[in-house]
């Protein structure tokens, strides 16, 4: 067709122009072919099964994917697609979430049980489809049912498009580091049920891990400590993921400065630091320059636990950074400085450095005109026990948690299916857009009654949203890592105390705020985020501290369809698990 058009055009145009047009058409064809070939479809099979692992001198069975702990690392390029066939060969229900992937128009593959799907039952399977769009960097995947994510998780690396490059010096090697936990004797899948019976706190882990290994300082763990061998003078990209269930972590490498370049699969303006504070759910890309004296050094992580009186794992996990040619028999590695577990100032000093990597090629499109303003008060609560027997929570009560006084309850049919198929009685659209009562959220031991419900907020397509996440001191304040499925958002402001709608917006950063998918709301403070509701579907907002999510610190946004075919939810897949 193109050739015939040029031949007809040739009758009226000089030969030099025709040749030029032929050249342009040829290069356009090559470019189009390259772009079509560039996007690949990656197929994976994830078999959920139990496998015995030995840690801390004991052997126990844990849930795994393909027998691996941590699970397989997924790798793709920006713009690629992944098809993951999940086969449940375990005895527990399972769902998987692709944390940091937007899942544009496809909430059917997002994963949280009873929100976007019913779980995959033992003996059944489900095919997840992930379209990578704006994601680039390190994200991760994990189970999103019960407490399975404690061992069912893995790294998800998204490289720049072919022909593109990193906005930082190309590293000589990349090293995923997954920070996790280990329970010595507890069956992880039974922990929430036991806690629910007593009303108290769930069992605390016995160790933190780096890539599945507790490390040098734990019993029966020294030989298997994860080791990183580096060549002096070279740069390495550390892809760090916090898969811990209940604690934020301080992380550092002895005698080495780290350069943070990305977070949650989104680039940041580069900054140097001696330590990280990384919350559950967050991922960070960090450059390490191996420029110290040839030796071996500890890589270490331990808890940042800002909640007064809360129990937590007080141990320290380690890996070893070893310069090539250095013998491990030289002596005990050097430990890094890590801030004390309750040093909120250190956490704040670190997170205040986040800025978007703004440039002509990487615009920052912060919503300026806001259509919808929301204020969510997030609280840990106490509730009376349901019988005469006292619970093991404070004052003989049971723990609960809430957002705007609503403690979220999973329905028996997933909300997405009910919304899409107009099934009544599954959820209510009256989730409060502001706290039911205004008060000083930071007073101590505030009475803050909560009630159970499956309530959602409905947003119009393409509406611009400002959400204030307000921490409270109802029972015990904490740093809450809040994750929004289906979206990234701009963190335009943060501070301590009660959010002041007259004064605090004057200090917003609307120029280069960091774009994130999981943000820590500071202890006794607030965080303001903005996003445009341009991804139709049903999307979970929740605290990524698992005990808080289990107690009810969750809610849901339903984003309506737009007016065009390309702005509507895709049809449900034929193998959607039944309820």
Protein backbone atom coordinates (compact mmCIF):
# COMPACT_ATOMS: atom_id res chain seq x y z
CA UNK A 1 0.00 0.00 0.00
CA UNK A 2 2.79 2.42 1.01
CA UNK A 3 4.81 1.38 -2.05
CA UNK A 4 1.87 2.01 -4.47
CA UNK A 5 1.22 5.43 -2.92
CA UNK A 6 4.83 6.44 -3.41
CA UNK A 7 4.79 5.19 -7.02
CA UNK A 8 1.71 7.33 -7.76
CA UNK A 9 3.31 10.27 -6.00
CA UNK A 10 6.45 9.75 -8.10
CA UNK A 11 4.63 10.86 -11.27
CA UNK A 12 4.36 14.42 -9.96
CA UNK A 13 7.38 14.83 -7.67
CA UNK A 14 11.14 15.03 -8.34
CA UNK A 15 13.11 11.85 -7.80
CA UNK A 16 15.18 13.24 -4.89
CA UNK A 17 12.04 13.96 -2.85
CA UNK A 18 10.68 10.48 -3.58
CA UNK A 19 13.90 8.89 -2.36
CA UNK A 20 13.79 11.00 0.78
CA UNK A 21 10.22 9.90 1.45
CA UNK A 22 11.15 6.27 0.88
CA UNK A 23 13.97 6.62 3.40
CA UNK A 24 11.64 8.22 5.97
CA UNK A 25 9.02 5.48 5.48
CA UNK A 26 11.70 2.80 5.87
CA UNK A 27 12.98 4.23 9.14
CA UNK A 28 9.44 4.69 10.47
CA UNK A 29 8.76 1.04 9.64
CA UNK A 30 11.95 -0.05 11.43
CA UNK A 31 11.08 2.11 14.44
CA UNK A 32 7.54 0.73 14.60
CA UNK A 33 8.82 -2.83 14.31
CA UNK A 34 11.33 -2.19 17.10
CA UNK A 35 8.66 -0.75 19.39
CA UNK A 36 6.36 -3.73 18.77
CA UNK A 37 9.21 -6.15 19.44
CA UNK A 38 10.29 -4.21 22.51
CA UNK A 39 7.26 -5.09 24.65
CA UNK A 40 7.53 -8.71 25.74
CA UNK A 41 5.18 -11.09 27.49
CA UNK A 42 6.81 -13.07 30.30
CA UNK A 43 5.16 -16.30 31.43
CA UNK A 44 5.72 -17.73 34.91
CA UNK A 45 4.29 -20.56 36.99
CA UNK A 46 4.07 -20.07 40.74
CA UNK A 47 3.34 -23.25 42.70
CA UNK A 48 2.29 -22.57 46.28
CA UNK A 49 3.52 -25.40 48.48
CA UNK A 50 4.93 -26.18 51.88
CA UNK A 51 8.62 -26.92 52.28
CA UNK A 52 10.82 -27.57 55.31
CA UNK A 53 13.44 -24.93 56.17
CA UNK A 54 15.94 -24.90 59.03
CA UNK A 55 16.63 -21.65 60.87
CA UNK A 56 17.66 -20.88 64.48
CA UNK A 57 18.49 -24.55 65.20
CA UNK A 58 14.97 -25.80 64.30
CA UNK A 59 13.32 -27.20 61.18
CA UNK A 60 9.75 -26.31 60.25
CA UNK A 61 7.54 -26.21 57.18
CA UNK A 62 6.62 -22.86 55.66
CA UNK A 63 4.55 -21.74 52.69
CA UNK A 64 6.68 -21.03 49.61
CA UNK A 65 6.48 -20.33 45.91
CA UNK A 66 8.22 -23.10 43.96
CA UNK A 67 9.91 -24.18 47.20
CA UNK A 68 11.93 -20.95 47.46
CA UNK A 69 12.27 -18.60 50.45
CA UNK A 70 12.28 -15.76 49.55
CA UNK A 71 10.39 -16.56 46.37
CA UNK A 72 11.51 -16.16 42.74
CA UNK A 73 12.67 -12.76 41.48
CA UNK A 74 10.59 -11.46 38.57
CA UNK A 75 12.42 -9.41 35.92
CA UNK A 76 10.95 -7.39 33.06
CA UNK A 77 11.33 -4.12 31.18
CA UNK A 78 9.11 -1.10 31.43
CA UNK A 79 6.13 -1.64 29.13
CA UNK A 80 6.30 -5.45 29.30
CA UNK A 81 3.50 -7.77 30.36
CA UNK A 82 3.63 -10.70 32.76
CA UNK A 83 1.34 -13.70 32.95
CA UNK A 84 1.69 -15.61 36.21
CA UNK A 85 -0.16 -18.90 36.64
CA UNK A 86 -0.62 -19.46 40.39
CA UNK A 87 -1.28 -23.10 41.32
CA UNK A 88 -2.25 -23.65 44.93
CA UNK A 89 -0.76 -26.95 46.10
CA UNK A 90 -0.94 -25.90 49.75
CA UNK A 91 -3.64 -26.45 52.36
CA UNK A 92 -4.42 -22.74 52.81
CA UNK A 93 -6.23 -20.20 50.64
CA UNK A 94 -3.94 -17.81 48.76
CA UNK A 95 -3.94 -14.60 46.74
CA UNK A 96 -0.98 -12.62 45.36
CA UNK A 97 -0.48 -8.86 45.06
CA UNK A 98 1.99 -7.11 42.76
CA UNK A 99 3.01 -4.33 45.10
CA UNK A 100 3.78 -1.13 43.21
CA UNK A 101 2.27 -2.27 39.89
CA UNK A 102 -0.64 0.03 38.93
CA UNK A 103 -2.73 -2.67 37.22
CA UNK A 104 -4.32 -0.06 34.95
CA UNK A 105 -8.05 -0.88 34.45
CA UNK A 106 -7.36 -4.41 35.69
CA UNK A 107 -8.17 -4.70 39.41
CA UNK A 108 -9.01 -8.37 38.77
CA UNK A 109 -5.29 -9.16 39.09
CA UNK A 110 -4.50 -6.90 42.05
CA UNK A 111 -4.89 -9.59 44.70
CA UNK A 112 -6.21 -8.54 48.14
CA UNK A 113 -8.63 -11.25 49.25
CA UNK A 114 -12.32 -10.32 49.43
CA UNK A 115 -11.53 -6.87 48.00
CA UNK A 116 -10.66 -7.63 44.37
CA UNK A 117 -11.02 -11.40 44.35
CA UNK A 118 -11.94 -14.40 46.40
CA UNK A 119 -8.92 -16.50 47.36
CA UNK A 120 -7.50 -19.33 45.29
CA UNK A 121 -8.50 -22.44 47.19
CA UNK A 122 -6.28 -25.49 47.72
CA UNK A 123 -6.10 -27.52 44.50
CA UNK A 124 -7.20 -24.60 42.32
CA UNK A 125 -5.34 -22.05 40.17
CA UNK A 126 -5.65 -18.51 38.87
CA UNK A 127 -3.78 -16.58 36.17
CA UNK A 128 -2.64 -13.07 37.13
CA UNK A 129 -1.87 -10.56 34.38
CA UNK A 130 0.38 -7.59 35.06
CA UNK A 131 0.85 -4.77 32.52
CA UNK A 132 3.84 -2.60 33.39
CA UNK A 133 3.26 1.04 32.45
CA UNK A 134 5.07 3.74 34.47
CA UNK A 135 6.80 1.38 36.91
CA UNK A 136 10.60 1.39 36.73
CA UNK A 137 12.96 0.20 39.42
CA UNK A 138 12.33 -2.19 42.30
CA UNK A 139 8.83 -3.25 43.32
CA UNK A 140 7.83 -6.61 44.81
CA UNK A 141 5.15 -9.26 45.00
CA UNK A 142 3.63 -10.93 48.04
CA UNK A 143 0.69 -12.94 49.29
CA UNK A 144 -2.32 -10.86 50.29
CA UNK A 145 -4.31 -13.40 52.30
CA UNK A 146 -4.11 -14.06 56.02
CA UNK A 147 -0.42 -13.89 57.11
CA UNK A 148 0.97 -15.82 54.14
CA UNK A 149 3.13 -12.91 52.97
CA UNK A 150 5.55 -13.62 55.85
CA UNK A 151 7.17 -16.26 53.62
CA UNK A 152 5.37 -15.90 50.27
CA UNK A 153 7.10 -12.89 48.73
CA UNK A 154 9.82 -11.93 46.28
CA UNK A 155 11.50 -9.11 44.37
CA UNK A 156 10.06 -7.67 41.14
CA UNK A 157 12.63 -5.77 39.07
CA UNK A 158 11.51 -3.45 36.26
CA UNK A 159 14.34 -2.28 34.03
CA UNK A 160 14.21 0.84 31.85
CA UNK A 161 12.89 0.34 28.32
CA UNK A 162 15.38 -1.12 25.87
CA UNK A 163 17.48 1.72 24.55
CA UNK A 164 16.96 3.77 27.74
CA UNK A 165 19.27 4.00 30.73
CA UNK A 166 19.23 4.63 34.45
CA UNK A 167 19.28 8.27 35.61
CA UNK A 168 22.41 7.43 37.60
CA UNK A 169 25.80 5.80 36.85
CA UNK A 170 25.33 2.27 35.57
CA UNK A 171 26.19 -0.16 38.37
CA UNK A 172 28.60 -3.04 37.85
CA UNK A 173 26.13 -5.42 39.49
CA UNK A 174 22.73 -5.37 41.19
CA UNK A 175 21.90 -7.19 44.42
CA UNK A 176 18.33 -7.68 45.71
CA UNK A 177 18.14 -7.56 49.52
CA UNK A 178 14.83 -8.69 51.02
CA UNK A 179 14.40 -7.88 54.69
CA UNK A 180 12.12 -10.44 56.31
CA UNK A 181 11.30 -12.30 59.51
CA UNK A 182 11.41 -15.76 61.03
CA UNK A 183 9.29 -17.37 63.73
CA UNK A 184 11.19 -20.23 65.36
CA UNK A 185 8.25 -22.45 66.35
CA UNK A 186 5.01 -20.63 65.52
CA UNK A 187 3.04 -21.66 62.45
CA UNK A 188 2.73 -18.27 60.80
CA UNK A 189 -0.67 -19.07 59.32
CA UNK A 190 -2.07 -19.68 62.81
CA UNK A 191 -0.79 -16.44 64.38
CA UNK A 192 -3.73 -14.11 63.54
CA UNK A 193 -6.30 -16.71 64.61
CA UNK A 194 -4.60 -17.17 67.99
CA UNK A 195 -4.41 -13.40 68.52
CA UNK A 196 -8.06 -13.01 67.60
CA UNK A 197 -9.08 -15.57 70.22
CA UNK A 198 -7.19 -13.81 73.00
CA UNK A 199 -7.69 -10.23 71.81
CA UNK A 200 -3.99 -9.56 72.47
CA UNK A 201 -0.97 -8.88 70.30
CA UNK A 202 0.09 -11.52 67.77
CA UNK A 203 3.27 -13.52 68.38
CA UNK A 204 6.48 -11.56 67.80
CA UNK A 205 9.09 -12.96 65.43
CA UNK A 206 12.30 -14.50 66.74
CA UNK A 207 14.59 -13.06 64.08
CA UNK A 208 14.81 -10.68 61.19
CA UNK A 209 16.38 -11.98 57.99
CA UNK A 210 18.29 -10.74 54.96
CA UNK A 211 17.47 -12.83 51.91
CA UNK A 212 16.04 -15.52 54.16
CA UNK A 213 19.04 -15.75 56.52
CA UNK A 214 19.00 -14.42 60.11
CA UNK A 215 22.72 -13.78 60.05
CA UNK A 216 25.87 -13.81 62.12
CA UNK A 217 24.40 -12.78 65.49
CA UNK A 218 21.74 -15.50 65.84
CA UNK A 219 22.20 -19.09 67.06
CA UNK A 220 22.95 -21.74 64.41
CA UNK A 221 23.06 -19.02 61.73
CA UNK A 222 26.64 -17.78 61.37
CA UNK A 223 27.81 -20.04 58.47
CA UNK A 224 24.74 -19.29 56.31
CA UNK A 225 24.91 -15.50 56.75
CA UNK A 226 24.19 -13.87 53.37
CA UNK A 227 27.39 -12.52 51.81
CA UNK A 228 28.02 -9.82 49.21
CA UNK A 229 31.41 -9.84 47.51
CA UNK A 230 32.47 -6.52 45.97
CA UNK A 231 35.46 -5.25 44.02
CA UNK A 232 37.05 -2.10 45.38
CA UNK A 233 36.25 0.96 43.29
CA UNK A 234 33.08 -0.42 41.70
CA UNK A 235 29.46 0.65 42.19
CA UNK A 236 26.61 -1.70 43.09
CA UNK A 237 22.85 -1.23 43.00
CA UNK A 238 21.15 -2.60 46.11
CA UNK A 239 17.45 -3.31 45.56
CA UNK A 240 16.15 -3.28 49.14
CA UNK A 241 12.64 -4.48 50.08
CA UNK A 242 11.05 -4.49 53.53
CA UNK A 243 8.88 -7.62 53.64
CA UNK A 244 8.73 -7.60 57.45
CA UNK A 245 5.23 -8.02 58.85
CA UNK A 246 5.14 -5.54 61.70
CA UNK A 247 8.17 -3.26 62.03
CA UNK A 248 9.85 -0.45 60.19
CA UNK A 249 13.60 -1.00 60.03
CA UNK A 250 16.76 1.02 60.24
CA UNK A 251 19.34 -0.29 57.74
CA UNK A 252 23.03 0.52 57.27
CA UNK A 253 26.38 -0.79 56.04
CA UNK A 254 29.38 -0.22 58.29
CA UNK A 255 31.73 2.58 57.10
CA UNK A 256 29.82 3.07 53.82
CA UNK A 257 27.72 5.94 52.56
CA UNK A 258 24.62 5.00 50.58
CA UNK A 259 23.06 6.98 47.72
CA UNK A 260 19.26 6.64 47.51
CA UNK A 261 18.07 6.89 43.89
CA UNK A 262 14.54 5.40 43.83
CA UNK A 263 11.64 4.29 46.00
CA UNK A 264 8.58 2.14 45.25
CA UNK A 265 9.56 1.79 41.58
CA UNK A 266 9.83 5.58 41.09
CA UNK A 267 13.01 7.65 40.81
CA UNK A 268 14.03 10.13 43.49
CA UNK A 269 16.42 13.04 43.45
CA UNK A 270 19.65 11.40 44.60
CA UNK A 271 20.83 11.94 48.15
CA UNK A 272 23.54 10.43 50.33
CA UNK A 273 22.87 8.92 53.74
CA UNK A 274 24.53 6.76 56.38
CA UNK A 275 21.34 4.79 57.11
CA UNK A 276 17.86 4.07 55.75
CA UNK A 277 14.51 3.91 57.48
CA UNK A 278 12.33 1.60 55.41
CA UNK A 279 8.78 0.64 56.33
CA UNK A 280 6.98 -2.62 55.60
CA UNK A 281 5.84 -2.51 51.99
CA UNK A 282 8.47 -0.04 50.81
CA UNK A 283 11.28 -0.75 48.37
CA UNK A 284 14.37 1.40 47.80
CA UNK A 285 17.07 1.44 45.16
CA UNK A 286 20.40 2.39 46.68
CA UNK A 287 23.85 2.85 45.11
CA UNK A 288 26.80 1.50 47.05
CA UNK A 289 30.31 2.68 46.10
CA UNK A 290 32.84 0.10 47.29
CA UNK A 291 35.44 2.72 48.15
CA UNK A 292 36.54 1.71 51.62
CA UNK A 293 39.59 -0.19 52.82
CA UNK A 294 39.50 -3.82 51.70
CA UNK A 295 37.95 -5.64 54.61
CA UNK A 296 34.63 -7.19 55.53
CA UNK A 297 31.77 -5.16 56.99
CA UNK A 298 28.38 -5.90 58.49
CA UNK A 299 25.21 -5.03 56.61
CA UNK A 300 22.65 -4.69 59.42
CA UNK A 301 18.99 -3.95 60.10
CA UNK A 302 16.93 -3.65 63.27
CA UNK A 303 13.56 -2.25 64.29
CA UNK A 304 12.37 1.32 64.37
CA UNK A 305 9.39 0.93 66.71
CA UNK A 306 7.84 4.27 67.61
CA UNK A 307 4.78 2.89 69.43
CA UNK A 308 5.17 3.35 73.16
CA UNK A 309 4.75 0.07 75.04
CA UNK A 310 4.28 -2.09 71.94
CA UNK A 311 6.12 -5.39 71.80
CA UNK A 312 8.54 -5.94 68.95
CA UNK A 313 11.46 -8.07 67.86
CA UNK A 314 14.56 -6.41 69.40
CA UNK A 315 17.14 -8.46 67.51
CA UNK A 316 19.50 -7.41 64.69
CA UNK A 317 19.89 -9.19 61.38
CA UNK A 318 23.14 -9.04 59.44
CA UNK A 319 24.72 -9.86 56.11
CA UNK A 320 28.41 -9.48 55.32
CA UNK A 321 29.87 -7.11 52.73
CA UNK A 322 33.19 -8.67 51.77
CA UNK A 323 35.83 -7.08 49.53
CA UNK A 324 37.26 -9.50 47.00
CA UNK A 325 40.44 -11.16 48.22
CA UNK A 326 39.72 -10.62 51.90
CA UNK A 327 39.51 -13.72 54.09
CA UNK A 328 36.53 -14.06 56.39
CA UNK A 329 38.94 -15.44 58.98
CA UNK A 330 40.35 -11.95 59.53
CA UNK A 331 38.01 -11.42 62.50
CA UNK A 332 34.51 -10.28 63.31
CA UNK A 333 33.19 -7.72 60.77
CA UNK A 334 32.61 -4.12 61.78
CA UNK A 335 29.04 -3.26 62.85
CA UNK A 336 27.41 -0.09 61.49
CA UNK A 337 25.78 2.60 63.60
CA UNK A 338 22.01 2.21 63.64
CA UNK A 339 19.76 4.77 65.36
CA UNK A 340 18.03 3.64 68.58
CA UNK A 341 14.74 1.81 68.00
CA UNK A 342 12.60 4.79 69.15
CA UNK A 343 14.53 7.59 67.43
CA UNK A 344 11.70 9.30 65.52
CA UNK A 345 14.02 12.25 64.78
CA UNK A 346 16.31 9.92 62.80
CA UNK A 347 13.37 8.51 60.85
CA UNK A 348 12.07 12.00 60.05
CA UNK A 349 15.51 13.30 59.08
CA UNK A 350 15.81 10.48 56.54
CA UNK A 351 12.35 10.70 54.97
CA UNK A 352 12.46 14.51 54.72
CA UNK A 353 15.13 14.13 52.05
CA UNK A 354 12.75 12.54 49.52
CA UNK A 355 12.21 14.62 46.37
CA UNK A 356 11.09 13.65 42.88
CA UNK A 357 13.75 13.52 40.18
CA UNK A 358 12.18 16.37 38.22
CA UNK A 359 13.40 17.11 34.68
CA UNK A 360 12.08 17.85 31.18
CA UNK A 361 11.93 14.11 30.56
CA UNK A 362 10.43 13.37 33.97
CA UNK A 363 7.69 15.93 34.67
CA UNK A 364 6.05 16.19 38.07
CA UNK A 365 2.30 16.54 37.57
CA UNK A 366 1.02 17.39 41.02
CA UNK A 367 -2.74 18.05 41.11
CA UNK A 368 -3.20 21.73 41.97
CA UNK A 369 -6.98 22.19 41.73
CA UNK A 370 -8.54 19.69 44.14
CA UNK A 371 -12.04 18.25 43.64
CA UNK A 372 -12.18 15.89 46.63
CA UNK A 373 -10.73 16.53 50.08
CA UNK A 374 -10.53 13.66 52.56
CA UNK A 375 -9.17 13.44 56.10
CA UNK A 376 -8.62 9.95 57.51
CA UNK A 377 -7.81 9.51 61.20
CA UNK A 378 -5.91 6.24 61.67
CA UNK A 379 -6.08 4.67 65.12
CA UNK A 380 -5.27 1.62 67.19
CA UNK A 381 -8.29 1.02 69.43
CA UNK A 382 -9.54 -1.15 72.27
CA UNK A 383 -12.89 -2.91 72.27
CA UNK A 384 -14.83 -4.77 74.93
CA UNK A 385 -14.61 -8.54 74.79
CA UNK A 386 -17.63 -10.38 73.48
CA UNK A 387 -18.02 -12.58 76.58
CA UNK A 388 -17.41 -12.34 80.31
CA UNK A 389 -13.86 -13.63 80.03
CA UNK A 390 -11.34 -10.73 79.89
CA UNK A 391 -9.08 -10.45 76.85
CA UNK A 392 -5.30 -10.16 77.01
CA UNK A 393 -5.15 -6.64 75.57
CA UNK A 394 -4.66 -3.58 77.82
CA UNK A 395 -7.30 -3.18 80.59
CA UNK A 396 -8.68 -6.64 79.81
CA UNK A 397 -9.95 -5.49 76.40
CA UNK A 398 -9.14 -6.59 72.83
CA UNK A 399 -7.09 -4.78 70.24
CA UNK A 400 -8.76 -3.24 67.23
CA UNK A 401 -7.82 -0.57 64.70
CA UNK A 402 -9.74 1.77 62.48
CA UNK A 403 -9.83 4.55 59.91
CA UNK A 404 -12.37 7.27 60.79
CA UNK A 405 -13.87 5.02 63.47
CA UNK A 406 -14.57 2.19 61.00
CA UNK A 407 -12.83 -1.13 61.56
CA UNK A 408 -12.91 -2.82 58.16
CA UNK A 409 -14.53 -6.24 57.83
CA UNK A 410 -13.92 -8.52 54.86
CA UNK A 411 -17.19 -9.50 53.17
CA UNK A 412 -18.01 -13.03 52.01
CA UNK A 413 -18.06 -11.91 48.34
CA UNK A 414 -15.28 -9.70 47.03
CA UNK A 415 -16.16 -6.02 46.67
CA UNK A 416 -14.98 -5.80 43.04
CA UNK A 417 -17.28 -8.61 41.91
CA UNK A 418 -20.19 -7.11 43.85
CA UNK A 419 -19.56 -3.66 42.33
CA UNK A 420 -19.09 -4.92 38.78
CA UNK A 421 -22.10 -7.27 38.85
CA UNK A 422 -24.36 -5.05 40.97
CA UNK A 423 -24.65 -7.52 43.87
CA UNK A 424 -26.35 -5.78 46.77
CA UNK A 425 -25.65 -6.06 50.48
CA UNK A 426 -21.89 -6.62 50.19
CA UNK A 427 -20.64 -3.10 50.97
CA UNK A 428 -21.94 0.38 51.80
CA UNK A 429 -20.92 3.64 50.11
CA UNK A 430 -21.07 5.77 53.26
CA UNK A 431 -17.49 5.59 54.53
CA UNK A 432 -16.96 8.90 56.40
CA UNK A 433 -14.81 11.36 54.45
CA UNK A 434 -13.75 13.04 57.70
CA UNK A 435 -13.53 11.80 61.31
CA UNK A 436 -17.02 11.64 62.81
CA UNK A 437 -15.84 13.88 65.66
CA UNK A 438 -13.07 16.48 65.66
CA UNK A 439 -10.71 16.45 68.65
CA UNK A 440 -7.06 16.79 69.58
CA UNK A 441 -5.77 13.58 68.01
CA UNK A 442 -2.55 13.65 70.03
CA UNK A 443 -3.88 13.66 73.58
CA UNK A 444 -2.92 10.56 75.52
CA UNK A 445 -5.29 7.63 76.02
CA UNK A 446 -8.15 9.18 74.10
CA UNK A 447 -11.51 7.39 74.10
CA UNK A 448 -12.20 6.65 70.46
CA UNK A 449 -14.94 4.05 69.99
CA UNK A 450 -14.94 2.16 66.74
CA UNK A 451 -17.50 0.09 64.88
CA UNK A 452 -17.23 -2.65 62.31
CA UNK A 453 -18.23 -2.21 58.69
CA UNK A 454 -17.49 -2.84 55.02
CA UNK A 455 -17.68 0.72 53.78
CA UNK A 456 -16.15 2.45 50.74
CA UNK A 457 -15.67 5.91 49.26
CA UNK A 458 -16.73 6.31 45.62
CA UNK A 459 -14.64 8.68 43.48
CA UNK A 460 -15.54 10.11 40.10
CA UNK A 461 -13.20 9.21 37.28
CA UNK A 462 -10.43 11.79 36.78
CA UNK A 463 -11.23 13.64 39.99
CA UNK A 464 -8.24 15.14 41.79
CA UNK A 465 -7.93 13.99 45.40
CA UNK A 466 -6.17 15.32 48.46
CA UNK A 467 -6.02 12.81 51.29
CA UNK A 468 -4.80 13.82 54.76
CA UNK A 469 -3.64 10.82 56.78
CA UNK A 470 -3.86 11.86 60.43
CA UNK A 471 -2.14 9.77 63.06
CA UNK A 472 -3.74 9.57 66.50
CA UNK A 473 -2.68 8.77 70.04
CA UNK A 474 -5.89 6.97 70.91
CA UNK A 475 -4.15 3.97 72.48
CA UNK A 476 -0.56 4.16 71.31
CA UNK A 477 0.70 6.29 68.47
CA UNK A 478 2.87 4.70 65.82
CA UNK A 479 4.48 5.36 62.46
CA UNK A 480 1.92 3.84 60.06
CA UNK A 481 3.07 2.79 56.54
CA UNK A 482 -0.02 3.37 54.39
CA UNK A 483 -0.21 1.67 50.96
CA UNK A 484 -2.69 2.54 48.21
CA UNK A 485 -3.32 -0.15 45.59
CA UNK A 486 -3.69 0.81 41.93
CA UNK A 487 -2.00 4.20 42.30
CA UNK A 488 1.04 6.20 43.13
CA UNK A 489 0.60 9.55 44.86
CA UNK A 490 2.57 12.71 45.52
CA UNK A 491 3.51 13.28 49.16
CA UNK A 492 3.04 17.06 49.28
CA UNK A 493 3.37 17.60 53.02
CA UNK A 494 4.00 16.02 56.41
CA UNK A 495 4.30 17.18 59.98
CA UNK A 496 3.69 16.51 63.65
CA UNK A 497 0.58 17.29 65.67
CA UNK A 498 -2.88 17.90 64.25
CA UNK A 499 -3.23 18.88 60.62
CA UNK A 500 -4.19 22.56 60.31
CA UNK A 501 -6.15 23.12 57.11
CA UNK A 502 -5.44 26.87 57.19
CA UNK A 503 -1.70 26.87 57.87
CA UNK A 504 -0.19 23.54 56.81
CA UNK A 505 -1.06 23.71 53.08
CA UNK A 506 1.00 26.91 52.88
CA UNK A 507 4.08 24.73 53.45
CA UNK A 508 3.23 22.09 50.81
CA UNK A 509 5.86 21.11 48.28
CA UNK A 510 4.07 21.36 44.92
CA UNK A 511 7.30 21.62 42.90
CA UNK A 512 9.12 18.29 43.37
CA UNK A 513 7.31 16.19 46.00
CA UNK A 514 8.24 12.51 46.06
CA UNK A 515 5.97 10.11 44.21
CA UNK A 516 5.35 6.97 46.27
CA UNK A 517 2.98 4.03 46.71
CA UNK A 518 3.63 3.41 50.42
CA UNK A 519 4.17 6.31 52.82
CA UNK A 520 4.95 6.39 56.52
CA UNK A 521 2.60 8.61 58.52
CA UNK A 522 4.77 9.94 61.35
CA UNK A 523 4.06 9.11 64.96
CA UNK A 524 1.60 11.68 66.35
CA UNK A 525 1.62 13.44 63.01
CA UNK A 526 0.07 13.71 59.55
CA UNK A 527 0.88 13.23 55.90
CA UNK A 528 -0.83 14.87 52.91
CA UNK A 529 -0.94 13.05 49.56
CA UNK A 530 -2.46 13.99 46.20
CA UNK A 531 -3.42 11.89 43.18
CA UNK A 532 -5.75 11.90 40.19
CA UNK A 533 -8.36 9.14 40.25
CA UNK A 534 -7.72 8.01 36.67
CA UNK A 535 -7.52 4.25 37.23
CA UNK A 536 -11.04 2.81 37.40
CA UNK A 537 -11.62 -0.08 39.75
CA UNK A 538 -11.77 -1.15 43.37
CA UNK A 539 -8.59 -0.28 45.28
CA UNK A 540 -7.54 -1.06 48.84
CA UNK A 541 -5.95 1.52 51.16
CA UNK A 542 -4.37 -0.06 54.24
CA UNK A 543 -1.66 0.00 56.84
CA UNK A 544 1.19 -2.34 55.91
CA UNK A 545 1.83 -3.26 59.54
CA UNK A 546 0.12 -6.60 59.43
CA UNK A 547 -1.32 -6.60 62.93
CA UNK A 548 -2.98 -3.23 62.23
CA UNK A 549 -4.42 -4.47 58.94
CA UNK A 550 -5.65 -7.64 60.65
CA UNK A 551 -7.37 -5.51 63.31
CA UNK A 552 -9.17 -3.45 60.65
CA UNK A 553 -6.97 -0.51 59.53
CA UNK A 554 -8.17 -0.76 55.93
CA UNK A 555 -10.63 0.95 53.63
CA UNK A 556 -11.50 0.94 49.93
CA UNK A 557 -11.80 3.43 47.08
CA UNK A 558 -14.12 2.65 44.21
CA UNK A 559 -13.14 4.74 41.18
CA UNK A 560 -15.91 4.98 38.61
CA UNK A 561 -15.43 4.22 34.92
CA UNK A 562 -14.68 7.06 32.53
CA UNK A 563 -16.68 7.85 29.41
CA UNK A 564 -14.43 6.03 26.92
CA UNK A 565 -13.62 2.37 26.40
CA UNK A 566 -10.01 3.00 27.40
CA UNK A 567 -11.12 4.45 30.75
CA UNK A 568 -13.27 1.54 31.90
CA UNK A 569 -12.54 -1.59 33.91
CA UNK A 570 -11.65 -4.55 31.70
CA UNK A 571 -13.97 -7.55 31.75
CA UNK A 572 -13.38 -10.16 34.46
CA UNK A 573 -11.27 -13.19 33.46
CA UNK A 574 -12.98 -16.55 32.95
CA UNK A 575 -10.96 -18.25 35.72
CA UNK A 576 -11.80 -15.74 38.47
CA UNK A 577 -11.90 -17.76 41.73
CA UNK A 578 -15.37 -18.40 43.08
CA UNK A 579 -16.42 -17.30 46.55
